[in-house]
PDB file of all heavy atoms in Angstrom:
ATOM      1  N   ARG A   1    -135.109  36.400 133.812  1.00  0.00           N
ATOM      2  CA  ARG A   1    -135.910  35.432 133.094  1.00  0.00           C
ATOM      3  C   ARG A   1    -136.751  36.236 132.202  1.00  0.00           C
ATOM      4  O   ARG A   1    -137.390  37.240 132.584  1.00  0.00           O
ATOM      5  CB  ARG A   1    -136.762  34.691 134.028  1.00  0.00           C
ATOM      6  CG  ARG A   1    -136.995  33.404 133.648  1.00  0.00           C
ATOM      7  CD  ARG A   1    -137.743  32.739 134.698  1.00  0.00           C
ATOM      8  NE  ARG A   1    -137.342  31.370 134.606  1.00  0.00           N
ATOM      9  CZ  ARG A   1    -137.870  30.358 135.391  1.00  0.00           C
ATOM     10  NH1 ARG A   1    -138.801  30.675 136.239  1.00  0.00           N
ATOM     11  NH2 ARG A   1    -137.334  29.098 135.277  1.00  0.00           N
ATOM     12  N   THR A   2    -136.813  36.013 130.920  1.00  0.00           N
ATOM     13  CA  THR A   2    -137.635  36.673 129.925  1.00  0.00           C
ATOM     14  C   THR A   2    -138.840  35.846 129.621  1.00  0.00           C
ATOM     15  O   THR A   2    -138.719  34.625 129.277  1.00  0.00           O
ATOM     16  CB  THR A   2    -136.861  36.928 128.673  1.00  0.00           C
ATOM     17  OG1 THR A   2    -135.604  37.626 129.094  1.00  0.00           O
ATOM     18  CG2 THR A   2    -137.637  37.751 127.704  1.00  0.00           C
ATOM     19  N   SER A   3    -139.989  36.396 129.656  1.00  0.00           N
ATOM     20  CA  SER A   3    -141.202  35.586 129.266  1.00  0.00           C
ATOM     21  C   SER A   3    -141.246  35.209 127.864  1.00  0.00           C
ATOM     22  O   SER A   3    -140.776  35.893 126.991  1.00  0.00           O
ATOM     23  CB  SER A   3    -142.411  36.381 129.731  1.00  0.00           C
ATOM     24  OG  SER A   3    -142.630  37.402 128.784  1.00  0.00           O
ATOM     25  N   TYR A   4    -141.952  34.161 127.557  1.00  0.00           N
ATOM     26  CA  TYR A   4    -142.047  33.720 126.124  1.00  0.00           C
ATOM     27  C   TYR A   4    -142.785  34.723 125.202  1.00  0.00           C
ATOM     28  O   TYR A   4    -142.330  34.935 124.210  1.00  0.00           O
ATOM     29  CB  TYR A   4    -142.680  32.315 126.225  1.00  0.00           C
ATOM     30  CG  TYR A   4    -142.935  31.727 124.799  1.00  0.00           C
ATOM     31  CD1 TYR A   4    -141.948  31.188 124.121  1.00  0.00           C
ATOM     32  CD2 TYR A   4    -144.248  31.757 124.178  1.00  0.00           C
ATOM     33  CE1 TYR A   4    -142.061  30.691 122.810  1.00  0.00           C
ATOM     34  CE2 TYR A   4    -144.402  31.307 123.024  1.00  0.00           C
ATOM     35  CZ  TYR A   4    -143.373  30.720 122.214  1.00  0.00           C
ATOM     36  OH  TYR A   4    -143.509  30.266 121.034  1.00  0.00           O
ATOM     37  N   ARG A   5    -143.832  35.254 125.808  1.00  0.00           N
ATOM     38  CA  ARG A   5    -144.565  36.234 125.020  1.00  0.00           C
ATOM     39  C   ARG A   5    -143.717  37.598 124.844  1.00  0.00           C
ATOM     40  O   ARG A   5    -143.811  38.060 123.669  1.00  0.00           O
ATOM     41  CB  ARG A   5    -145.840  36.645 125.714  1.00  0.00           C
ATOM     42  CG  ARG A   5    -146.826  35.417 125.739  1.00  0.00           C
ATOM     43  CD  ARG A   5    -148.168  35.900 126.493  1.00  0.00           C
ATOM     44  NE  ARG A   5    -149.027  34.702 126.827  1.00  0.00           N
ATOM     45  CZ  ARG A   5    -149.875  34.271 125.911  1.00  0.00           C
ATOM     46  NH1 ARG A   5    -150.259  34.889 124.809  1.00  0.00           N
ATOM     47  NH2 ARG A   5    -150.598  33.262 126.299  1.00  0.00           N
ATOM     48  N   ARG A   6    -142.977  37.929 125.717  1.00  0.00           N
ATOM     49  CA  ARG A   6    -142.072  39.108 125.511  1.00  0.00           C
ATOM     50  C   ARG A   6    -141.087  38.892 124.447  1.00  0.00           C
ATOM     51  O   ARG A   6    -140.887  39.690 123.643  1.00  0.00           O
ATOM     52  CB  ARG A   6    -141.445  39.528 126.834  1.00  0.00           C
ATOM     53  CG  ARG A   6    -140.644  40.746 126.675  1.00  0.00           C
ATOM     54  CD  ARG A   6    -140.007  41.208 128.031  1.00  0.00           C
ATOM     55  NE  ARG A   6    -139.142  42.194 127.884  1.00  0.00           N
ATOM     56  CZ  ARG A   6    -138.150  42.502 128.806  1.00  0.00           C
ATOM     57  NH1 ARG A   6    -138.077  41.727 129.778  1.00  0.00           N
ATOM     58  NH2 ARG A   6    -137.286  43.368 128.475  1.00  0.00           N
ATOM     59  N   ALA A   7    -140.511  37.688 124.474  1.00  0.00           N
ATOM     60  CA  ALA A   7    -139.515  37.342 123.493  1.00  0.00           C
ATOM     61  C   ALA A   7    -140.218  37.260 122.132  1.00  0.00           C
ATOM     62  O   ALA A   7    -139.485  37.743 121.145  1.00  0.00           O
ATOM     63  CB  ALA A   7    -138.881  35.944 123.885  1.00  0.00           C
ATOM     64  N   GLU A   8    -141.305  36.788 122.099  1.00  0.00           N
ATOM     65  CA  GLU A   8    -142.066  36.686 120.778  1.00  0.00           C
ATOM     66  C   GLU A   8    -142.348  38.082 120.214  1.00  0.00           C
ATOM     67  O   GLU A   8    -142.126  38.250 118.964  1.00  0.00           O
ATOM     68  CB  GLU A   8    -143.350  35.977 120.972  1.00  0.00           C
ATOM     69  CG  GLU A   8    -143.570  34.759 120.271  1.00  0.00           C
ATOM     70  CD  GLU A   8    -144.831  34.071 120.509  1.00  0.00           C
ATOM     71  OE1 GLU A   8    -145.784  34.721 120.973  1.00  0.00           O
ATOM     72  OE2 GLU A   8    -145.037  32.910 120.150  1.00  0.00           O
ATOM     73  N   ARG A   9    -142.669  38.960 121.057  1.00  0.00           N
ATOM     74  CA  ARG A   9    -142.898  40.313 120.586  1.00  0.00           C
ATOM     75  C   ARG A   9    -141.723  41.046 120.091  1.00  0.00           C
ATOM     76  O   ARG A   9    -141.514  41.679 119.125  1.00  0.00           O
ATOM     77  CB  ARG A   9    -143.602  41.225 121.765  1.00  0.00           C
ATOM     78  CG  ARG A   9    -145.020  40.977 121.980  1.00  0.00           C
ATOM     79  CD  ARG A   9    -145.667  41.983 122.771  1.00  0.00           C
ATOM     80  NE  ARG A   9    -144.923  42.116 124.170  1.00  0.00           N
ATOM     81  CZ  ARG A   9    -145.084  41.421 125.345  1.00  0.00           C
ATOM     82  NH1 ARG A   9    -146.122  40.717 125.323  1.00  0.00           N
ATOM     83  NH2 ARG A   9    -144.378  41.748 126.299  1.00  0.00           N
ATOM     84  N   GLU A  10    -140.611  40.824 120.922  1.00  0.00           N
ATOM     85  CA  GLU A  10    -139.260  41.470 120.457  1.00  0.00           C
ATOM     86  C   GLU A  10    -138.793  40.762 119.143  1.00  0.00           C
ATOM     87  O   GLU A  10    -138.329  41.606 118.222  1.00  0.00           O
ATOM     88  CB  GLU A  10    -138.209  41.176 121.478  1.00  0.00           C
ATOM     89  CG  GLU A  10    -138.463  42.009 122.851  1.00  0.00           C
ATOM     90  CD  GLU A  10    -137.434  41.548 123.941  1.00  0.00           C
ATOM     91  OE1 GLU A  10    -136.609  40.685 123.776  1.00  0.00           O
ATOM     92  OE2 GLU A  10    -137.540  42.197 124.967  1.00  0.00           O
ATOM     93  N   PHE A  11    -138.968  39.526 119.058  1.00  0.00           N
ATOM     94  CA  PHE A  11    -138.538  38.870 117.764  1.00  0.00           C
ATOM     95  C   PHE A  11    -139.429  39.397 116.509  1.00  0.00           C
ATOM     96  O   PHE A  11    -138.916  39.699 115.491  1.00  0.00           O
ATOM     97  CB  PHE A  11    -138.673  37.392 117.763  1.00  0.00           C
ATOM     98  CG  PHE A  11    -138.221  36.645 116.618  1.00  0.00           C
ATOM     99  CD1 PHE A  11    -136.846  36.694 116.306  1.00  0.00           C
ATOM    100  CD2 PHE A  11    -139.048  35.982 115.840  1.00  0.00           C
ATOM    101  CE1 PHE A  11    -136.313  36.035 115.142  1.00  0.00           C
ATOM    102  CE2 PHE A  11    -138.563  35.303 114.696  1.00  0.00           C
ATOM    103  CZ  PHE A  11    -137.191  35.286 114.411  1.00  0.00           C
ATOM    104  N   ALA A  12    -140.742  39.668 116.794  1.00  0.00           N
ATOM    105  CA  ALA A  12    -141.575  40.228 115.722  1.00  0.00           C
ATOM    106  C   ALA A  12    -141.083  41.575 115.391  1.00  0.00           C
ATOM    107  O   ALA A  12    -141.143  41.949 114.197  1.00  0.00           O
ATOM    108  CB  ALA A  12    -143.015  40.172 116.190  1.00  0.00           C
ATOM    109  N   GLU A  13    -140.827  42.409 116.343  1.00  0.00           N
ATOM    110  CA  GLU A  13    -140.349  43.739 116.083  1.00  0.00           C
ATOM    111  C   GLU A  13    -138.978  43.605 115.325  1.00  0.00           C
ATOM    112  O   GLU A  13    -138.842  44.458 114.259  1.00  0.00           O
ATOM    113  CB  GLU A  13    -140.224  44.449 117.410  1.00  0.00           C
ATOM    114  CG  GLU A  13    -139.554  45.967 117.166  1.00  0.00           C
ATOM    115  CD  GLU A  13    -140.475  46.859 116.344  1.00  0.00           C
ATOM    116  OE1 GLU A  13    -141.714  46.519 116.181  1.00  0.00           O
ATOM    117  OE2 GLU A  13    -139.969  47.835 115.914  1.00  0.00           O
ATOM    118  N   ILE A  14    -138.233  42.792 115.604  1.00  0.00           N
ATOM    119  CA  ILE A  14    -136.778  42.757 114.881  1.00  0.00           C
ATOM    120  C   ILE A  14    -137.090  42.317 113.496  1.00  0.00           C
ATOM    121  O   ILE A  14    -136.442  42.836 112.474  1.00  0.00           O
ATOM    122  CB  ILE A  14    -135.906  41.690 115.555  1.00  0.00           C
ATOM    123  CG1 ILE A  14    -135.372  42.288 116.916  1.00  0.00           C
ATOM    124  CG2 ILE A  14    -134.622  41.380 114.701  1.00  0.00           C
ATOM    125  CD1 ILE A  14    -134.715  41.309 117.762  1.00  0.00           C
ATOM    126  N   ARG A  15    -137.879  41.310 113.166  1.00  0.00           N
ATOM    127  CA  ARG A  15    -138.307  40.884 111.811  1.00  0.00           C
ATOM    128  C   ARG A  15    -138.940  42.120 111.057  1.00  0.00           C
ATOM    129  O   ARG A  15    -138.616  42.317 109.911  1.00  0.00           O
ATOM    130  CB  ARG A  15    -139.224  39.748 111.907  1.00  0.00           C
ATOM    131  CG  ARG A  15    -138.627  38.476 112.250  1.00  0.00           C
ATOM    132  CD  ARG A  15    -139.477  37.221 112.054  1.00  0.00           C
ATOM    133  NE  ARG A  15    -140.826  37.487 112.087  1.00  0.00           N
ATOM    134  CZ  ARG A  15    -141.823  36.649 112.293  1.00  0.00           C
ATOM    135  NH1 ARG A  15    -141.478  35.288 112.564  1.00  0.00           N
ATOM    136  NH2 ARG A  15    -143.030  36.916 112.332  1.00  0.00           N
ATOM    137  N   ARG A  16    -139.790  42.865 111.692  1.00  0.00           N
ATOM    138  CA  ARG A  16    -140.417  43.998 111.034  1.00  0.00           C
ATOM    139  C   ARG A  16    -139.260  45.048 110.638  1.00  0.00           C
ATOM    140  O   ARG A  16    -139.380  45.541 109.540  1.00  0.00           O
ATOM    141  CB  ARG A  16    -141.372  44.794 111.894  1.00  0.00           C
ATOM    142  CG  ARG A  16    -142.179  45.739 111.240  1.00  0.00           C
ATOM    143  CD  ARG A  16    -143.020  46.621 112.210  1.00  0.00           C
ATOM    144  NE  ARG A  16    -142.281  47.239 113.236  1.00  0.00           N
ATOM    145  CZ  ARG A  16    -141.565  48.385 112.949  1.00  0.00           C
ATOM    146  NH1 ARG A  16    -141.498  48.922 111.613  1.00  0.00           N
ATOM    147  NH2 ARG A  16    -140.793  49.150 113.886  1.00  0.00           N
ATOM    148  N   GLN A  17    -138.417  45.315 111.584  1.00  0.00           N
ATOM    149  CA  GLN A  17    -137.390  46.328 111.239  1.00  0.00           C
ATOM    150  C   GLN A  17    -136.410  45.783 110.147  1.00  0.00           C
ATOM    151  O   GLN A  17    -136.038  46.646 109.348  1.00  0.00           O
ATOM    152  CB  GLN A  17    -136.518  46.571 112.442  1.00  0.00           C
ATOM    153  CG  GLN A  17    -137.219  47.385 113.637  1.00  0.00           C
ATOM    154  CD  GLN A  17    -136.504  47.553 114.860  1.00  0.00           C
ATOM    155  OE1 GLN A  17    -135.406  46.961 114.945  1.00  0.00           O
ATOM    156  NE2 GLN A  17    -137.000  48.238 115.770  1.00  0.00           N
ATOM    157  N   HIS A  18    -136.155  44.587 110.080  1.00  0.00           N
ATOM    158  CA  HIS A  18    -135.329  43.877 109.139  1.00  0.00           C
ATOM    159  C   HIS A  18    -136.024  44.080 107.719  1.00  0.00           C
ATOM    160  O   HIS A  18    -135.365  44.293 106.718  1.00  0.00           O
ATOM    161  CB  HIS A  18    -135.072  42.470 109.449  1.00  0.00           C
ATOM    162  CG  HIS A  18    -134.090  41.723 108.486  1.00  0.00           C
ATOM    163  ND1 HIS A  18    -134.577  40.841 107.542  1.00  0.00           N
ATOM    164  CD2 HIS A  18    -132.872  41.916 108.329  1.00  0.00           C
ATOM    165  CE1 HIS A  18    -133.538  40.455 106.824  1.00  0.00           C
ATOM    166  NE2 HIS A  18    -132.508  41.041 107.239  1.00  0.00           N
ATOM    167  N   ALA A  19    -137.232  43.740 107.653  1.00  0.00           N
ATOM    168  CA  ALA A  19    -138.084  43.868 106.468  1.00  0.00           C
ATOM    169  C   ALA A  19    -138.056  45.353 105.870  1.00  0.00           C
ATOM    170  O   ALA A  19    -137.892  45.566 104.705  1.00  0.00           O
ATOM    171  CB  ALA A  19    -139.527  43.446 106.608  1.00  0.00           C
ATOM    172  N   GLU A  20    -138.178  46.369 106.758  1.00  0.00           N
ATOM    173  CA  GLU A  20    -138.192  47.677 106.433  1.00  0.00           C
ATOM    174  C   GLU A  20    -136.691  48.120 105.850  1.00  0.00           C
ATOM    175  O   GLU A  20    -136.627  48.777 104.945  1.00  0.00           O
ATOM    176  CB  GLU A  20    -138.572  48.621 107.566  1.00  0.00           C
ATOM    177  CG  GLU A  20    -139.922  48.614 107.868  1.00  0.00           C
ATOM    178  CD  GLU A  20    -140.293  49.476 109.170  1.00  0.00           C
ATOM    179  OE1 GLU A  20    -139.265  49.990 109.723  1.00  0.00           O
ATOM    180  OE2 GLU A  20    -141.479  49.533 109.564  1.00  0.00           O
ATOM    181  N   PHE A  21    -135.741  47.549 106.657  1.00  0.00           N
ATOM    182  CA  PHE A  21    -134.420  47.787 106.040  1.00  0.00           C
ATOM    183  C   PHE A  21    -134.226  47.237 104.583  1.00  0.00           C
ATOM    184  O   PHE A  21    -133.686  47.877 103.789  1.00  0.00           O
ATOM    185  CB  PHE A  21    -133.293  47.146 107.047  1.00  0.00           C
ATOM    186  CG  PHE A  21    -132.040  47.184 106.500  1.00  0.00           C
ATOM    187  CD1 PHE A  21    -131.317  48.285 106.422  1.00  0.00           C
ATOM    188  CD2 PHE A  21    -131.393  46.014 106.035  1.00  0.00           C
ATOM    189  CE1 PHE A  21    -129.967  48.455 106.050  1.00  0.00           C
ATOM    190  CE2 PHE A  21    -130.126  45.977 105.484  1.00  0.00           C
ATOM    191  CZ  PHE A  21    -129.394  47.291 105.587  1.00  0.00           C
ATOM    192  N   LEU A  22    -134.673  46.015 104.418  1.00  0.00           N
ATOM    193  CA  LEU A  22    -134.582  45.331 103.113  1.00  0.00           C
ATOM    194  C   LEU A  22    -135.316  46.222 101.996  1.00  0.00           C
ATOM    195  O   LEU A  22    -134.769  46.347 100.946  1.00  0.00           O
ATOM    196  CB  LEU A  22    -134.998  43.977 103.107  1.00  0.00           C
ATOM    197  CG  LEU A  22    -134.140  42.942 103.906  1.00  0.00           C
ATOM    198  CD1 LEU A  22    -134.751  41.544 103.913  1.00  0.00           C
ATOM    199  CD2 LEU A  22    -132.708  42.930 103.351  1.00  0.00           C
ATOM    200  N   ALA A  23    -136.408  46.663 102.427  1.00  0.00           N
ATOM    201  CA  ALA A  23    -137.223  47.471 101.475  1.00  0.00           C
ATOM    202  C   ALA A  23    -136.450  48.701 100.969  1.00  0.00           C
ATOM    203  O   ALA A  23    -136.446  49.271  99.908  1.00  0.00           O
ATOM    204  CB  ALA A  23    -138.611  47.879 102.077  1.00  0.00           C
ATOM    205  N   ARG A  24    -135.833  49.486 102.019  1.00  0.00           N
ATOM    206  CA  ARG A  24    -135.064  50.594 101.832  1.00  0.00           C
ATOM    207  C   ARG A  24    -133.805  50.244 100.986  1.00  0.00           C
ATOM    208  O   ARG A  24    -133.430  51.046  99.963  1.00  0.00           O
ATOM    209  CB  ARG A  24    -134.542  51.306 102.958  1.00  0.00           C
ATOM    210  CG  ARG A  24    -135.634  52.172 103.632  1.00  0.00           C
ATOM    211  CD  ARG A  24    -135.071  52.832 104.875  1.00  0.00           C
ATOM    212  NE  ARG A  24    -135.306  51.857 106.010  1.00  0.00           N
ATOM    213  CZ  ARG A  24    -134.422  51.842 106.983  1.00  0.00           C
ATOM    214  NH1 ARG A  24    -133.593  52.668 107.123  1.00  0.00           N
ATOM    215  NH2 ARG A  24    -134.636  51.003 107.914  1.00  0.00           N
TER     216      ARG A  24
END
């Protein structure tokens, strides 16, 4: 079971990495 807050943090990190990739 994954907590909701942990999933939120993971999703935010994925979005940040995606944005950095698009910038590159």
